[in-house]
């Protein structure tokens, strides 16, 4: 017999109570101490009355493989939050029938007209939020608080959303006192817990028992496509950083230098052309000046810099904590 989901603490009908509520959305696959740490920090730093764990039936950007049943994820999140009076766990998104965050927020604001909501998310999600449905509208709908999470602190400066909304960054206590858009970065003690690492540790024995299915070798891998393109364009200090298991927004980050803005622009154009020829879609930011071009192809993030810009941001200093491979572009 299928297990039914436990009773929900947040009604889809809403209410008219006045309060300040942080919305911590996600798959919670599984819920872990890092979620609890972020919620409690947001309660204190933002002066919230409550934080709701919004357990998503299914994240549109995540694969269904390895996703625990919705009822199980709800139950685990409830066990995690315990009896804390400022925390609630809800699957209200399933009741609302919404799939995207921007629609969930709009529905909640309509049903809870006297609640002042804040969207809470980890620093890793600031990288990929530009891939969310109508993400710009989300920033214009609700204040956003980014919770520090290792090892993303400095790297969030490279995010498309952070750059677009840079003029609207606020101190945490002023986040809800001004108009929208408004966002803040909560510099808190970092918590090392990672859902992907927890899942990996649980499934490692099972995965070792599965047969290995060889992949076709006639098609170049995306990383090879990018690095070959950069090398052909005489890119310098080409660096490939393996992000698998460390972040949810990409599997690899590639960083390279061009001696001039013209070279950076050419490198970016050719990378995108070569990816497109392989059937891989990509988008680019920064082509207007070509001081720093960011290319997002889904599984790969490419940063192309002029030398002095790369030296200033020094992204690799943060990311080179685990395995990294350097490719000679000379």
Protein backbone atom coordinates (compact mmCIF):
# COMPACT_ATOMS: atom_id res chain seq x y z
CA UNK A 1 0.00 0.00 0.00
CA UNK A 2 1.34 3.43 -0.92
CA UNK A 3 2.20 5.61 2.01
CA UNK A 4 0.21 8.87 2.20
CA UNK A 5 1.85 12.20 2.85
CA UNK A 6 1.57 13.50 6.43
CA UNK A 7 -0.78 16.34 7.27
CA UNK A 8 0.48 19.70 6.05
CA UNK A 9 1.20 22.54 8.47
CA UNK A 10 0.54 25.23 5.83
CA UNK A 11 -2.95 25.40 4.36
CA UNK A 12 -3.37 25.99 0.63
CA UNK A 13 -6.36 28.17 1.57
CA UNK A 14 -4.09 30.65 3.31
CA UNK A 15 -4.93 33.02 6.16
CA UNK A 16 -4.74 36.72 7.05
CA UNK A 17 -2.22 36.62 9.91
CA UNK A 18 0.52 39.24 9.77
CA UNK A 19 4.07 37.84 9.95
CA UNK A 20 7.45 37.65 8.21
CA UNK A 21 8.17 34.27 6.62
CA UNK A 22 11.25 32.91 4.89
CA UNK A 23 10.65 30.35 2.13
CA UNK A 24 13.41 27.74 1.89
CA UNK A 25 12.52 25.76 -1.22
CA UNK A 26 14.10 22.63 -2.59
CA UNK A 27 13.88 18.91 -3.16
CA UNK A 28 15.24 18.10 0.33
CA UNK A 29 16.61 14.86 -1.12
CA UNK A 30 17.48 14.28 1.64
CA UNK A 31 16.85 16.96 4.27
CA UNK A 32 20.05 17.50 6.26
CA UNK A 33 21.62 19.61 9.00
CA UNK A 34 22.73 22.22 6.46
CA UNK A 35 19.08 23.06 5.75
CA UNK A 36 18.40 23.44 9.46
CA UNK A 37 21.50 25.60 9.92
CA UNK A 38 20.45 27.93 7.07
CA UNK A 39 16.88 28.23 8.35
CA UNK A 40 17.88 29.09 11.91
CA UNK A 41 20.44 31.62 10.69
CA UNK A 42 17.83 33.31 8.48
CA UNK A 43 15.36 33.47 11.38
CA UNK A 44 17.86 35.39 13.48
CA UNK A 45 19.64 37.53 10.90
CA UNK A 46 16.51 38.65 9.04
CA UNK A 47 14.23 38.93 12.06
CA UNK A 48 11.73 36.42 10.66
CA UNK A 49 8.79 34.94 12.52
CA UNK A 50 8.94 31.65 10.64
CA UNK A 51 10.81 29.72 7.99
CA UNK A 52 8.85 27.30 5.82
CA UNK A 53 10.65 24.33 4.29
CA UNK A 54 8.96 24.18 0.88
CA UNK A 55 9.50 20.56 -0.16
CA UNK A 56 9.11 20.45 -3.94
CA UNK A 57 7.30 17.51 -5.56
CA UNK A 58 9.90 17.65 -8.37
CA UNK A 59 12.50 20.30 -9.25
CA UNK A 60 12.17 20.96 -13.04
CA UNK A 61 15.97 21.27 -13.28
CA UNK A 62 16.71 17.95 -11.58
CA UNK A 63 16.49 14.40 -12.85
CA UNK A 64 13.88 12.10 -11.34
CA UNK A 65 16.51 9.34 -11.03
CA UNK A 66 17.54 9.00 -7.41
CA UNK A 67 14.69 11.21 -6.18
CA UNK A 68 13.09 9.78 -3.04
CA UNK A 69 9.27 9.66 -2.87
CA UNK A 70 7.62 12.97 -2.02
CA UNK A 71 6.05 11.66 1.22
CA UNK A 72 9.41 10.32 2.41
CA UNK A 73 11.14 13.65 1.79
CA UNK A 74 8.39 15.48 3.68
CA UNK A 75 8.65 13.12 6.64
CA UNK A 76 12.44 13.42 6.77
CA UNK A 77 12.25 17.22 6.71
CA UNK A 78 9.73 17.16 9.57
CA UNK A 79 12.01 14.96 11.64
CA UNK A 80 14.86 17.36 10.96
CA UNK A 81 13.02 20.49 12.10
CA UNK A 82 11.76 18.78 15.27
CA UNK A 83 9.63 20.89 17.58
CA UNK A 84 11.18 24.25 16.77
CA UNK A 85 8.29 26.79 16.89
CA UNK A 86 9.78 28.96 14.15
CA UNK A 87 10.02 26.20 11.54
CA UNK A 88 7.33 24.59 9.42
CA UNK A 89 7.59 21.89 6.76
CA UNK A 90 5.12 21.94 3.90
CA UNK A 91 4.34 20.32 0.59
CA UNK A 92 1.93 23.12 -0.22
CA UNK A 93 3.37 23.42 -3.73
CA UNK A 94 1.72 20.10 -4.61
CA UNK A 95 -1.61 21.43 -3.37
CA UNK A 96 -1.23 24.68 -5.27
CA UNK A 97 -0.44 22.80 -8.46
CA UNK A 98 2.54 25.05 -9.24
CA UNK A 99 5.72 23.83 -10.86
CA UNK A 100 7.95 26.91 -10.91
CA UNK A 101 9.13 29.00 -7.97
CA UNK A 102 7.82 32.28 -9.41
CA UNK A 103 4.30 30.78 -9.63
CA UNK A 104 4.51 29.31 -6.13
CA UNK A 105 5.51 32.66 -4.67
CA UNK A 106 2.70 34.45 -6.53
CA UNK A 107 0.13 31.94 -5.26
CA UNK A 108 1.36 32.18 -1.67
CA UNK A 109 1.29 35.99 -1.73
CA UNK A 110 -2.31 35.85 -2.94
CA UNK A 111 -3.41 33.36 -0.28
CA UNK A 112 -1.42 34.98 2.54
CA UNK A 113 -1.90 38.69 1.75
CA UNK A 114 -0.57 39.95 5.10
CA UNK A 115 2.56 37.80 5.13
CA UNK A 116 5.85 39.39 4.07
CA UNK A 117 7.76 36.63 2.33
CA UNK A 118 11.51 36.30 1.73
CA UNK A 119 12.92 33.73 -0.69
CA UNK A 120 15.89 31.89 0.88
CA UNK A 121 18.44 29.91 -1.10
CA UNK A 122 21.99 28.65 -0.87
CA UNK A 123 24.82 30.45 -2.61
CA UNK A 124 25.14 27.59 -5.12
CA UNK A 125 21.63 28.33 -6.41
CA UNK A 126 22.58 31.93 -7.21
CA UNK A 127 24.69 30.50 -10.04
CA UNK A 128 21.86 28.56 -11.65
CA UNK A 129 18.87 30.80 -10.88
CA UNK A 130 19.26 32.43 -14.30
CA UNK A 131 18.12 29.06 -15.69
CA UNK A 132 14.91 29.19 -13.65
CA UNK A 133 11.61 30.00 -15.31
CA UNK A 134 10.99 33.80 -15.20
CA UNK A 135 13.77 34.32 -12.67
CA UNK A 136 13.86 38.09 -13.20
CA UNK A 137 10.19 38.32 -12.27
CA UNK A 138 10.96 36.37 -9.09
CA UNK A 139 13.45 39.06 -8.00
CA UNK A 140 10.75 41.67 -8.61
CA UNK A 141 8.18 39.66 -6.64
CA UNK A 142 9.92 38.94 -3.35
CA UNK A 143 13.10 39.88 -1.44
CA UNK A 144 15.83 37.28 -1.84
CA UNK A 145 18.36 36.21 0.80
CA UNK A 146 21.41 34.21 -0.27
CA UNK A 147 22.80 31.96 2.47
CA UNK A 148 26.56 31.40 2.46
CA UNK A 149 27.52 27.88 1.59
CA UNK A 150 30.98 26.42 1.01
CA UNK A 151 32.76 26.92 -1.27
CA UNK A 152 30.71 29.56 -3.10
CA UNK A 153 31.22 32.88 -1.27
CA UNK A 154 33.44 34.74 -3.74
CA UNK A 155 32.26 32.85 -6.79
CA UNK A 156 28.71 34.23 -6.52
CA UNK A 157 30.12 37.51 -7.85
CA UNK A 158 30.34 35.73 -11.20
CA UNK A 159 26.67 34.76 -11.24
CA UNK A 160 24.48 36.32 -13.89
CA UNK A 161 21.81 37.24 -11.32
CA UNK A 162 24.31 38.85 -8.94
CA UNK A 163 25.70 41.00 -11.72
CA UNK A 164 22.27 42.01 -13.05
CA UNK A 165 20.90 42.97 -9.62
CA UNK A 166 24.13 44.32 -8.12
CA UNK A 167 22.63 47.82 -7.49
CA UNK A 168 19.86 46.27 -5.38
CA UNK A 169 21.95 44.43 -2.84
CA UNK A 170 20.98 45.44 0.73
CA UNK A 171 22.24 44.89 4.27
CA UNK A 172 20.32 41.98 5.77
CA UNK A 173 18.34 44.11 8.24
CA UNK A 174 17.28 46.50 5.46
CA UNK A 175 16.17 43.76 3.07
CA UNK A 176 12.46 44.09 3.85
CA UNK A 177 12.38 47.83 4.50
CA UNK A 178 12.70 49.02 0.91
CA UNK A 179 11.08 48.34 -2.42
CA UNK A 180 11.80 45.55 -4.86
CA UNK A 181 14.01 44.19 -6.23
CA UNK A 182 16.15 43.66 -3.13
CA UNK A 183 18.57 40.93 -2.13
CA UNK A 184 21.19 40.28 0.50
CA UNK A 185 24.01 37.84 1.19
CA UNK A 186 24.00 36.28 4.64
CA UNK A 187 27.59 35.78 5.76
CA UNK A 188 27.12 33.02 8.32
CA UNK A 189 29.16 30.17 9.68
CA UNK A 190 29.33 27.68 6.85
CA UNK A 191 27.89 24.21 7.17
CA UNK A 192 29.59 21.43 5.16
CA UNK A 193 26.52 19.20 4.61
CA UNK A 194 25.66 18.43 0.97
CA UNK A 195 22.63 16.47 -0.23
CA UNK A 196 24.50 15.20 -3.28
CA UNK A 197 27.37 13.90 -1.14
CA UNK A 198 24.93 12.24 1.27
CA UNK A 199 23.17 10.50 -1.64
CA UNK A 200 26.51 9.45 -3.07
CA UNK A 201 27.63 7.92 0.24
CA UNK A 202 24.34 6.02 0.53
CA UNK A 203 24.41 4.66 -3.01
CA UNK A 204 28.13 3.99 -3.46
CA UNK A 205 27.90 0.30 -2.61
CA UNK A 206 24.93 -0.20 -4.93
CA UNK A 207 26.58 1.66 -7.76
CA UNK A 208 29.70 -0.51 -7.45
CA UNK A 209 27.57 -3.58 -8.06
CA UNK A 210 25.96 -2.22 -11.24
CA UNK A 211 27.42 -3.24 -14.61
CA UNK A 212 29.47 -0.60 -16.34
CA UNK A 213 27.94 0.44 -19.68
CA UNK A 214 30.56 1.82 -22.06
CA UNK A 215 29.83 5.18 -23.69
CA UNK A 216 30.33 5.73 -27.41
CA UNK A 217 33.81 7.06 -28.13
CA UNK A 218 33.22 8.60 -31.54
CA UNK A 219 31.68 11.81 -30.17
CA UNK A 220 34.07 14.25 -28.43
CA UNK A 221 33.14 15.08 -24.86
CA UNK A 222 31.91 18.64 -24.23
CA UNK A 223 34.99 19.45 -22.12
CA UNK A 224 37.23 18.35 -24.99
CA UNK A 225 35.23 20.47 -27.44
CA UNK A 226 35.69 23.58 -25.29
CA UNK A 227 39.38 23.08 -24.46
CA UNK A 228 40.26 22.22 -28.07
CA UNK A 229 38.47 25.33 -29.28
CA UNK A 230 40.29 27.51 -26.75
CA UNK A 231 43.65 25.99 -27.60
CA UNK A 232 43.03 26.54 -31.33
CA UNK A 233 42.39 30.23 -30.55
CA UNK A 234 45.66 30.47 -28.57
CA UNK A 235 43.91 30.80 -25.24
CA UNK A 236 46.31 30.91 -22.32
CA UNK A 237 46.33 29.24 -18.87
CA UNK A 238 43.40 26.99 -19.74
CA UNK A 239 42.17 25.35 -16.56
CA UNK A 240 39.56 22.60 -16.18
CA UNK A 241 38.07 22.18 -12.71
CA UNK A 242 36.00 19.09 -11.91
CA UNK A 243 32.86 20.10 -10.00
CA UNK A 244 31.12 16.72 -10.03
CA UNK A 245 29.68 16.03 -6.59
CA UNK A 246 30.64 19.50 -5.34
CA UNK A 247 27.85 21.60 -6.83
CA UNK A 248 24.49 21.21 -8.53
CA UNK A 249 24.89 23.88 -11.21
CA UNK A 250 27.59 22.28 -13.38
CA UNK A 251 29.95 19.32 -13.71
CA UNK A 252 32.97 21.30 -14.92
CA UNK A 253 34.27 24.86 -14.83
CA UNK A 254 36.75 25.96 -17.48
CA UNK A 255 38.80 29.15 -17.10
CA UNK A 256 41.02 30.67 -19.78
CA UNK A 257 42.75 33.95 -20.63
CA UNK A 258 42.78 35.99 -23.83
CA UNK A 259 45.38 38.70 -24.33
CA UNK A 260 42.83 41.27 -25.49
CA UNK A 261 39.09 41.89 -25.51
CA UNK A 262 39.08 41.02 -29.21
CA UNK A 263 40.68 37.64 -28.54
CA UNK A 264 38.30 36.93 -25.64
CA UNK A 265 35.33 37.67 -27.91
CA UNK A 266 36.66 35.41 -30.65
CA UNK A 267 37.32 32.60 -28.18
CA UNK A 268 33.78 32.86 -26.82
CA UNK A 269 32.22 32.92 -30.28
CA UNK A 270 34.14 29.86 -31.44
CA UNK A 271 33.40 27.91 -28.25
CA UNK A 272 29.67 28.48 -28.72
CA UNK A 273 29.85 27.60 -32.42
CA UNK A 274 31.68 24.35 -31.71
CA UNK A 275 29.25 23.41 -28.95
CA UNK A 276 26.31 24.15 -31.22
CA UNK A 277 27.82 21.95 -33.94
CA UNK A 278 27.81 19.12 -31.38
CA UNK A 279 24.16 19.77 -30.57
CA UNK A 280 24.87 21.55 -27.26
CA UNK A 281 23.07 24.83 -26.55
CA UNK A 282 24.86 27.60 -24.66
CA UNK A 283 24.38 31.21 -23.61
CA UNK A 284 26.94 33.96 -23.02
CA UNK A 285 27.15 37.04 -20.81
CA UNK A 286 29.69 39.86 -21.13
CA UNK A 287 30.11 39.92 -24.91
CA UNK A 288 29.52 43.67 -24.99
CA UNK A 289 32.91 44.46 -23.44
CA UNK A 290 34.67 41.06 -23.52
CA UNK A 291 36.60 41.80 -20.33
CA UNK A 292 34.98 38.74 -18.80
CA UNK A 293 32.70 36.43 -20.78
CA UNK A 294 30.70 33.73 -18.99
CA UNK A 295 29.39 30.87 -21.14
CA UNK A 296 26.78 28.52 -19.67
CA UNK A 297 26.18 25.26 -21.53
CA UNK A 298 24.36 23.50 -18.71
CA UNK A 299 26.97 20.96 -17.59
CA UNK A 300 29.92 23.29 -18.23
CA UNK A 301 30.55 26.87 -17.10
CA UNK A 302 33.28 28.69 -19.06
CA UNK A 303 34.96 31.89 -17.80
CA UNK A 304 37.06 33.80 -20.34
CA UNK A 305 39.08 36.75 -19.02
CA UNK A 306 41.52 39.40 -20.03
CA UNK A 307 44.65 38.87 -17.87
CA UNK A 308 44.15 41.68 -15.37
CA UNK A 309 40.47 40.82 -14.87
CA UNK A 310 41.28 37.18 -14.21
CA UNK A 311 43.96 38.18 -11.71
CA UNK A 312 41.54 40.50 -9.90
CA UNK A 313 38.74 37.93 -9.41
CA UNK A 314 41.04 34.90 -9.07
CA UNK A 315 38.19 32.38 -9.25
CA UNK A 316 40.51 29.40 -9.40
CA UNK A 317 41.95 30.12 -5.95
CA UNK A 318 38.63 29.14 -4.42
CA UNK A 319 37.73 26.25 -6.70
CA UNK A 320 41.12 24.57 -6.75
CA UNK A 321 40.53 22.76 -3.49
CA UNK A 322 39.90 19.34 -5.00
CA UNK A 323 40.99 17.71 -8.23
CA UNK A 324 41.76 20.10 -11.07
CA UNK A 325 43.39 19.51 -14.41
CA UNK A 326 45.40 22.08 -16.33
CA UNK A 327 45.44 22.06 -20.12
CA UNK A 328 48.31 23.58 -22.06
CA UNK A 329 46.90 26.06 -24.53
CA UNK A 330 50.22 27.04 -26.01
